[in-house]
């Protein structure tokens, strides 16, 4: 490939079936990449909710210290599990996009 565009000679080396498979893979990859907005929104909602709950715990004067501490631990455990899932989702998407990018430069 030269300058990101295939020459006519390079394009004719691909069989119609191979071209169809590559176009389908590219469309699938872009659909998955577009879904990242949903993942980003999920992360934003998660942090907004975490900040809200944490603020409630900070101002909850009726809670005994140990109860407040237990609630904070519970909130952080839940957040950690959600962030781990978010991280794995983003990692999978990143690896898919990298593989697709490498395949384009072959």
C-alpha atoms as a PDB file:
ATOM      1  CA  UNK A   1       0.000   0.000   0.000  1.00  0.00           C
ATOM      2  CA  UNK A   2       1.180   3.468  -0.810  1.00  0.00           C
ATOM      3  CA  UNK A   3      -0.057   6.452   1.146  1.00  0.00           C
ATOM      4  CA  UNK A   4      -2.980   4.507   2.598  1.00  0.00           C
ATOM      5  CA  UNK A   5      -4.510   3.692  -0.810  1.00  0.00           C
ATOM      6  CA  UNK A   6      -4.194   0.456  -2.674  1.00  0.00           C
ATOM      7  CA  UNK A   7      -2.973   0.622  -6.224  1.00  0.00           C
ATOM      8  CA  UNK A   8      -4.991  -1.044  -8.958  1.00  0.00           C
ATOM      9  CA  UNK A   9      -2.399  -3.823  -9.092  1.00  0.00           C
ATOM     10  CA  UNK A  10      -2.684  -4.483  -5.357  1.00  0.00           C
ATOM     11  CA  UNK A  11      -6.475  -4.528  -5.564  1.00  0.00           C
ATOM     12  CA  UNK A  12      -6.499  -7.085  -8.376  1.00  0.00           C
ATOM     13  CA  UNK A  13      -4.382  -9.478  -6.307  1.00  0.00           C
ATOM     14  CA  UNK A  14      -7.353 -10.016  -3.974  1.00  0.00           C
ATOM     15  CA  UNK A  15     -10.004 -12.504  -4.992  1.00  0.00           C
ATOM     16  CA  UNK A  16     -13.614 -11.293  -4.875  1.00  0.00           C
ATOM     17  CA  UNK A  17     -14.244 -13.605  -1.923  1.00  0.00           C
ATOM     18  CA  UNK A  18     -11.229 -12.274  -0.024  1.00  0.00           C
ATOM     19  CA  UNK A  19     -12.307  -8.691  -0.700  1.00  0.00           C
ATOM     20  CA  UNK A  20     -15.803  -9.470   0.573  1.00  0.00           C
ATOM     21  CA  UNK A  21     -14.395 -11.035   3.757  1.00  0.00           C
ATOM     22  CA  UNK A  22     -12.114  -8.037   4.327  1.00  0.00           C
ATOM     23  CA  UNK A  23     -14.947  -5.550   3.795  1.00  0.00           C
ATOM     24  CA  UNK A  24     -17.195  -7.490   6.175  1.00  0.00           C
ATOM     25  CA  UNK A  25     -14.426  -7.564   8.789  1.00  0.00           C
ATOM     26  CA  UNK A  26     -13.863  -3.828   8.368  1.00  0.00           C
ATOM     27  CA  UNK A  27     -17.583  -3.075   8.746  1.00  0.00           C
ATOM     28  CA  UNK A  28     -17.788  -5.273  11.841  1.00  0.00           C
ATOM     29  CA  UNK A  29     -14.728  -3.612  13.350  1.00  0.00           C
ATOM     30  CA  UNK A  30     -16.154  -0.142  12.771  1.00  0.00           C
ATOM     31  CA  UNK A  31     -19.509  -1.149  14.276  1.00  0.00           C
ATOM     32  CA  UNK A  32     -17.708  -2.407  17.373  1.00  0.00           C
ATOM     33  CA  UNK A  33     -15.617   0.778  17.514  1.00  0.00           C
ATOM     34  CA  UNK A  34     -18.763   2.893  17.340  1.00  0.00           C
ATOM     35  CA  UNK A  35     -20.122   1.004  20.360  1.00  0.00           C
ATOM     36  CA  UNK A  36     -17.270   2.403  22.424  1.00  0.00           C
ATOM     37  CA  UNK A  37     -19.395   5.502  22.993  1.00  0.00           C
ATOM     38  CA  UNK A  38     -21.739   3.283  25.002  1.00  0.00           C
ATOM     39  CA  UNK A  39     -18.801   1.949  27.015  1.00  0.00           C
ATOM     40  CA  UNK A  40     -17.570   5.503  27.674  1.00  0.00           C
ATOM     41  CA  UNK A  41     -21.081   6.536  28.764  1.00  0.00           C
ATOM     42  CA  UNK A  42     -21.199   3.516  31.068  1.00  0.00           C
ATOM     43  CA  UNK A  43     -17.925   4.631  32.661  1.00  0.00           C
ATOM     44  CA  UNK A  44     -19.199   8.175  33.061  1.00  0.00           C
ATOM     45  CA  UNK A  45     -22.430   6.962  34.694  1.00  0.00           C
ATOM     46  CA  UNK A  46     -20.429   4.694  36.978  1.00  0.00           C
ATOM     47  CA  UNK A  47     -18.200   7.537  38.186  1.00  0.00           C
ATOM     48  CA  UNK A  48     -21.152   9.913  38.578  1.00  0.00           C
ATOM     49  CA  UNK A  49     -23.001   7.365  40.693  1.00  0.00           C
ATOM     50  CA  UNK A  50     -19.879   6.585  42.708  1.00  0.00           C
ATOM     51  CA  UNK A  51     -19.357  10.297  43.421  1.00  0.00           C
ATOM     52  CA  UNK A  52     -23.046  10.670  44.441  1.00  0.00           C
ATOM     53  CA  UNK A  53     -23.019   7.679  46.797  1.00  0.00           C
ATOM     54  CA  UNK A  54     -19.679   8.700  48.288  1.00  0.00           C
ATOM     55  CA  UNK A  55     -20.979  12.230  48.959  1.00  0.00           C
ATOM     56  CA  UNK A  56     -24.020  10.731  50.712  1.00  0.00           C
ATOM     57  CA  UNK A  57     -21.742   8.618  52.880  1.00  0.00           C
ATOM     58  CA  UNK A  58     -19.590  11.647  53.715  1.00  0.00           C
ATOM     59  CA  UNK A  59     -22.617  13.595  54.945  1.00  0.00           C
ATOM     60  CA  UNK A  60     -24.394  10.697  56.696  1.00  0.00           C
ATOM     61  CA  UNK A  61     -24.001  11.733  60.314  1.00  0.00           C
ATOM     62  CA  UNK A  62     -26.524   9.180  61.589  1.00  0.00           C
ATOM     63  CA  UNK A  63     -24.271   6.263  60.595  1.00  0.00           C
ATOM     64  CA  UNK A  64     -21.935   4.807  63.148  1.00  0.00           C
ATOM     65  CA  UNK A  65     -18.282   4.987  62.113  1.00  0.00           C
ATOM     66  CA  UNK A  66     -18.021   1.231  61.541  1.00  0.00           C
ATOM     67  CA  UNK A  67     -21.215   1.199  59.456  1.00  0.00           C
ATOM     68  CA  UNK A  68     -19.944   4.106  57.385  1.00  0.00           C
ATOM     69  CA  UNK A  69     -16.609   2.362  56.871  1.00  0.00           C
ATOM     70  CA  UNK A  70     -18.345  -0.896  55.873  1.00  0.00           C
ATOM     71  CA  UNK A  71     -20.519   1.011  53.386  1.00  0.00           C
ATOM     72  CA  UNK A  72     -17.438   2.701  51.888  1.00  0.00           C
ATOM     73  CA  UNK A  73     -15.732  -0.677  51.499  1.00  0.00           C
ATOM     74  CA  UNK A  74     -18.847  -2.091  49.815  1.00  0.00           C
ATOM     75  CA  UNK A  75     -19.074   0.876  47.420  1.00  0.00           C
ATOM     76  CA  UNK A  76     -15.398   0.566  46.493  1.00  0.00           C
ATOM     77  CA  UNK A  77     -15.682  -3.199  45.959  1.00  0.00           C
ATOM     78  CA  UNK A  78     -18.657  -2.703  43.643  1.00  0.00           C
ATOM     79  CA  UNK A  79     -16.870   0.101  41.794  1.00  0.00           C
ATOM     80  CA  UNK A  80     -13.724  -2.000  41.429  1.00  0.00           C
ATOM     81  CA  UNK A  81     -15.693  -4.902  39.941  1.00  0.00           C
ATOM     82  CA  UNK A  82     -17.449  -2.573  37.494  1.00  0.00           C
ATOM     83  CA  UNK A  83     -14.212  -0.831  36.540  1.00  0.00           C
ATOM     84  CA  UNK A  84     -12.536  -4.189  35.992  1.00  0.00           C
ATOM     85  CA  UNK A  85     -15.315  -5.161  33.595  1.00  0.00           C
ATOM     86  CA  UNK A  86     -15.037  -1.767  31.875  1.00  0.00           C
ATOM     87  CA  UNK A  87     -11.276  -2.188  31.556  1.00  0.00           C
ATOM     88  CA  UNK A  88     -11.618  -5.674  30.063  1.00  0.00           C
ATOM     89  CA  UNK A  89     -14.204  -4.416  27.563  1.00  0.00           C
ATOM     90  CA  UNK A  90     -11.953  -1.555  26.468  1.00  0.00           C
ATOM     91  CA  UNK A  91      -8.944  -3.878  26.307  1.00  0.00           C
ATOM     92  CA  UNK A  92     -10.757  -6.325  24.027  1.00  0.00           C
ATOM     93  CA  UNK A  93     -11.826  -3.507  21.737  1.00  0.00           C
ATOM     94  CA  UNK A  94      -8.318  -2.094  21.615  1.00  0.00           C
ATOM     95  CA  UNK A  95      -6.839  -5.483  20.727  1.00  0.00           C
ATOM     96  CA  UNK A  96      -9.453  -5.983  17.978  1.00  0.00           C
ATOM     97  CA  UNK A  97      -8.716  -2.582  16.482  1.00  0.00           C
ATOM     98  CA  UNK A  98      -4.952  -3.221  16.614  1.00  0.00           C
ATOM     99  CA  UNK A  99      -5.387  -6.572  14.844  1.00  0.00           C
ATOM    100  CA  UNK A 100      -7.504  -4.916  12.186  1.00  0.00           C
ATOM    101  CA  UNK A 101      -4.949  -2.130  11.763  1.00  0.00           C
ATOM    102  CA  UNK A 102      -2.137  -4.683  11.356  1.00  0.00           C
ATOM    103  CA  UNK A 103      -4.185  -6.598   8.792  1.00  0.00           C
ATOM    104  CA  UNK A 104      -4.531  -3.444   6.718  1.00  0.00           C
ATOM    105  CA  UNK A 105      -0.786  -3.012   6.480  1.00  0.00           C
ATOM    106  CA  UNK A 106      -0.109  -6.546   5.236  1.00  0.00           C
END
